[in-house]
Protein backbone atom coordinates (compact mmCIF):
# COMPACT_ATOMS: atom_id res chain seq x y z
CA UNK A 1 0.00 0.00 0.00
CA UNK A 2 2.84 2.41 0.88
CA UNK A 3 4.50 1.61 -2.44
CA UNK A 4 1.27 2.35 -4.33
CA UNK A 5 0.80 5.65 -2.48
CA UNK A 6 4.42 6.60 -3.21
CA UNK A 7 3.94 5.88 -6.91
CA UNK A 8 0.73 7.91 -6.99
CA UNK A 9 2.42 10.81 -5.15
CA UNK A 10 5.37 10.88 -7.55
CA UNK A 11 3.08 10.67 -10.56
CA UNK A 12 0.98 13.56 -9.25
CA UNK A 13 4.08 15.63 -8.46
CA UNK A 14 5.44 15.02 -11.94
CA UNK A 15 2.14 16.07 -13.47
CA UNK A 16 2.09 19.29 -11.42
CA UNK A 17 5.67 20.11 -12.37
CA UNK A 18 4.97 19.43 -16.05
CA UNK A 19 2.02 21.83 -15.96
CA UNK A 20 3.83 24.54 -13.97
CA UNK A 21 7.00 25.11 -16.00
CA UNK A 22 7.61 25.89 -19.65
CA UNK A 23 10.77 26.53 -21.66
CA UNK A 24 11.09 28.12 -25.09
CA UNK A 25 13.30 29.86 -27.61
CA UNK A 26 12.57 32.75 -29.97
CA UNK A 27 13.86 34.88 -32.84
CA UNK A 28 12.57 38.13 -34.24
CA UNK A 29 12.86 41.66 -35.59
CA UNK A 30 13.70 44.71 -33.50
CA UNK A 31 13.25 48.38 -34.44
CA UNK A 32 15.28 50.72 -32.24
CA UNK A 33 15.62 54.48 -31.79
CA UNK A 34 17.77 56.70 -29.59
CA UNK A 35 16.00 59.63 -27.93
CA UNK A 36 18.21 62.63 -27.13
CA UNK A 37 17.44 65.38 -24.65
CA UNK A 38 19.78 68.31 -25.26
CA UNK A 39 18.11 70.56 -22.66
CA UNK A 40 14.70 71.00 -21.03
CA UNK A 41 13.12 72.22 -24.28
CA UNK A 42 15.05 70.32 -26.97
CA UNK A 43 14.35 66.65 -27.60
CA UNK A 44 15.39 64.75 -30.73
CA UNK A 45 14.62 61.20 -31.86
CA UNK A 46 17.08 59.45 -34.16
CA UNK A 47 16.07 57.54 -37.25
CA UNK A 48 15.18 53.94 -36.50
CA UNK A 49 17.66 51.09 -36.76
CA UNK A 50 16.54 47.57 -37.73
CA UNK A 51 18.15 44.38 -36.49
CA UNK A 52 17.31 40.97 -35.04
CA UNK A 53 17.03 39.51 -31.57
CA UNK A 54 17.13 35.98 -30.24
CA UNK A 55 16.60 34.49 -26.83
CA UNK A 56 15.45 31.77 -24.51
CA UNK A 57 12.73 31.98 -21.87
CA UNK A 58 11.41 30.04 -18.89
CA UNK A 59 7.85 30.38 -17.67
CA UNK A 60 6.32 29.38 -14.33
CA UNK A 61 2.54 29.18 -13.87
CA UNK A 62 1.12 30.15 -10.49
CA UNK A 63 -2.29 29.13 -11.81
CA UNK A 64 -3.89 28.82 -15.29
CA UNK A 65 -4.22 32.62 -15.55
CA UNK A 66 -1.02 34.09 -14.08
CA UNK A 67 2.62 33.24 -14.81
CA UNK A 68 6.09 34.69 -14.25
CA UNK A 69 8.67 34.67 -17.02
CA UNK A 70 12.46 35.11 -17.07
CA UNK A 71 14.48 35.43 -20.28
CA UNK A 72 17.96 35.82 -21.69
CA UNK A 73 18.12 37.69 -25.00
CA UNK A 74 20.67 39.18 -27.37
CA UNK A 75 19.84 42.06 -29.72
CA UNK A 76 21.36 44.67 -31.98
CA UNK A 77 20.03 48.07 -30.85
CA UNK A 78 20.94 51.72 -31.39
CA UNK A 79 19.86 54.39 -33.85
CA UNK A 80 20.70 56.06 -37.17
CA UNK A 81 21.76 59.67 -37.77
CA UNK A 82 22.16 60.43 -34.09
CA UNK A 83 23.04 64.09 -33.53
CA UNK A 84 25.55 64.93 -30.83
CA UNK A 85 29.00 64.27 -29.43
CA UNK A 86 30.73 60.90 -29.36
CA UNK A 87 34.02 59.84 -27.84
CA UNK A 88 36.02 57.02 -29.40
CA UNK A 89 38.09 54.57 -27.39
CA UNK A 90 41.26 56.53 -28.22
CA UNK A 91 39.87 59.52 -26.31
CA UNK A 92 39.00 61.71 -29.31
CA UNK A 93 35.65 63.53 -29.31
CA UNK A 94 33.61 63.84 -32.52
CA UNK A 95 30.56 65.99 -33.25
CA UNK A 96 27.98 65.44 -35.99
CA UNK A 97 25.55 62.77 -37.20
CA UNK A 98 26.32 59.15 -36.39
CA UNK A 99 24.84 55.69 -36.76
CA UNK A 100 25.29 53.96 -33.40
CA UNK A 101 25.20 50.19 -33.02
CA UNK A 102 24.74 48.63 -29.58
CA UNK A 103 25.42 44.95 -28.97
CA UNK A 104 23.07 44.30 -26.06
CA UNK A 105 22.41 41.39 -23.72
CA UNK A 106 19.23 41.45 -21.65
CA UNK A 107 17.53 39.70 -18.75
CA UNK A 108 13.80 40.53 -19.06
CA UNK A 109 11.57 39.58 -16.13
CA UNK A 110 7.80 39.83 -16.52
CA UNK A 111 4.38 38.89 -15.22
CA UNK A 112 2.00 37.31 -17.75
CA UNK A 113 -1.78 37.34 -17.49
CA UNK A 114 -3.79 34.86 -19.57
CA UNK A 115 -7.33 36.25 -20.13
CA UNK A 116 -7.96 33.31 -22.48
CA UNK A 117 -6.10 30.09 -23.21
CA UNK A 118 -3.17 30.63 -25.56
CA UNK A 119 -3.11 34.44 -25.29
CA UNK A 120 -1.18 36.46 -22.70
CA UNK A 121 -0.63 40.10 -21.82
CA UNK A 122 2.71 40.82 -20.18
CA UNK A 123 4.68 43.61 -18.60
CA UNK A 124 7.94 43.85 -16.75
CA UNK A 125 11.48 45.14 -16.40
CA UNK A 126 14.34 44.59 -18.83
CA UNK A 127 17.77 44.47 -17.20
CA UNK A 128 20.00 45.20 -20.23
CA UNK A 129 23.71 45.73 -20.78
CA UNK A 130 25.55 47.28 -23.73
CA UNK A 131 28.56 45.03 -24.18
CA UNK A 132 29.80 46.89 -27.25
CA UNK A 133 29.00 50.31 -28.76
CA UNK A 134 30.36 51.22 -32.21
CA UNK A 135 29.96 53.71 -35.04
CA UNK A 136 31.57 54.37 -38.42
CA UNK A 137 33.92 57.28 -39.05
CA UNK A 138 35.54 57.65 -42.48
CA UNK A 139 34.37 54.12 -43.40
CA UNK A 140 36.14 52.72 -40.34
CA UNK A 141 34.23 51.06 -37.51
CA UNK A 142 35.39 52.36 -34.12
CA UNK A 143 34.47 51.60 -30.54
CA UNK A 144 32.81 54.25 -28.39
CA UNK A 145 33.67 54.82 -24.75
CA UNK A 146 31.04 57.42 -23.87
CA UNK A 147 28.16 54.90 -23.93
CA UNK A 148 27.26 53.47 -20.54
CA UNK A 149 26.87 49.74 -19.99
CA UNK A 150 23.43 49.90 -18.34
CA UNK A 151 20.56 50.14 -20.83
CA UNK A 152 17.54 49.17 -18.72
CA UNK A 153 13.90 49.46 -19.81
CA UNK A 154 10.30 48.81 -18.83
CA UNK A 155 8.16 46.95 -21.33
CA UNK A 156 4.66 45.73 -22.11
CA UNK A 157 3.31 43.48 -24.83
CA UNK A 158 1.48 40.31 -25.71
CA UNK A 159 2.00 36.71 -26.73
CA UNK A 160 -0.27 34.20 -28.48
CA UNK A 161 -0.01 30.60 -29.59
CA UNK A 162 -0.31 30.39 -33.37
CA UNK A 163 0.16 26.66 -34.02
CA UNK A 164 0.59 23.97 -31.40
CA UNK A 165 3.82 24.90 -29.57
CA UNK A 166 4.69 27.90 -31.78
CA UNK A 167 3.94 31.41 -30.56
CA UNK A 168 4.00 35.01 -31.75
CA UNK A 169 5.11 37.87 -29.48
CA UNK A 170 5.23 41.65 -29.68
CA UNK A 171 6.36 44.20 -27.12
CA UNK A 172 7.52 47.78 -26.71
CA UNK A 173 10.47 48.74 -24.50
CA UNK A 174 10.68 52.20 -22.89
CA UNK A 175 14.27 53.16 -22.13
CA UNK A 176 14.82 54.16 -18.50
CA UNK A 177 18.61 54.55 -18.44
CA UNK A 178 20.63 57.50 -19.67
CA UNK A 179 23.25 55.65 -21.72
CA UNK A 180 25.39 58.74 -22.47
CA UNK A 181 28.37 59.66 -20.31
CA UNK A 182 28.91 63.09 -21.86
CA UNK A 183 26.67 65.95 -22.93
CA UNK A 184 23.09 65.11 -23.79
CA UNK A 185 20.80 62.53 -22.19
CA UNK A 186 20.22 59.49 -24.46
CA UNK A 187 17.60 56.80 -23.90
CA UNK A 188 16.99 53.72 -26.05
CA UNK A 189 13.41 52.79 -27.01
CA UNK A 190 12.58 49.83 -29.22
CA UNK A 191 9.79 47.67 -30.60
CA UNK A 192 10.20 43.96 -31.16
CA UNK A 193 8.13 41.26 -32.83
CA UNK A 194 9.10 37.64 -33.20
CA UNK A 195 8.17 33.99 -33.29
CA UNK A 196 9.15 31.26 -30.88
CA UNK A 197 8.72 27.65 -29.94
CA UNK A 198 7.87 26.09 -26.60
CA UNK A 199 9.56 22.78 -25.93
CA UNK A 200 7.65 20.18 -24.00
CA UNK A 201 6.98 21.42 -20.50
CA UNK A 202 9.28 20.16 -17.78
């Protein structure tokens, strides 16, 4: 009898765990701008920069309607024709229009609400880090040292299952960090849309 109860307990526990956790991967398009604040009355938005993002995510269900999600993503962010001052890694300062590329790694954490099965609304905080910032001067790509590492954002969006374990997601990220170390304030906003796949729950 004890053996039977043990087997039933383990089977039930395994079923609960399988229904509580999910793991997936995703790939998509990101459209990024840099928003400059020169002074209290002058604000400029750069032209948008297109790139891709990819990531993995783990989801935990508290109940059928509410879940928490943690992710690790990589994306190419930045902006085109950014007006202002830049400082290269050799210490020289340049003024003008620049295309800035940011190689960014992020740890988004969010709460998901499922109003219906297969569709979720989500919002959270994106802990992001610029590992590399570059631009082109005289057809030569150079590193920038006046771009801060922290590039954190708040975000909201949605996710829906489109076919079995495949899903579609879209979200908008509002830059919270000033990523400039000199002169003007610069914040990074971006929209992303992508597709992903959920592996079997574990």
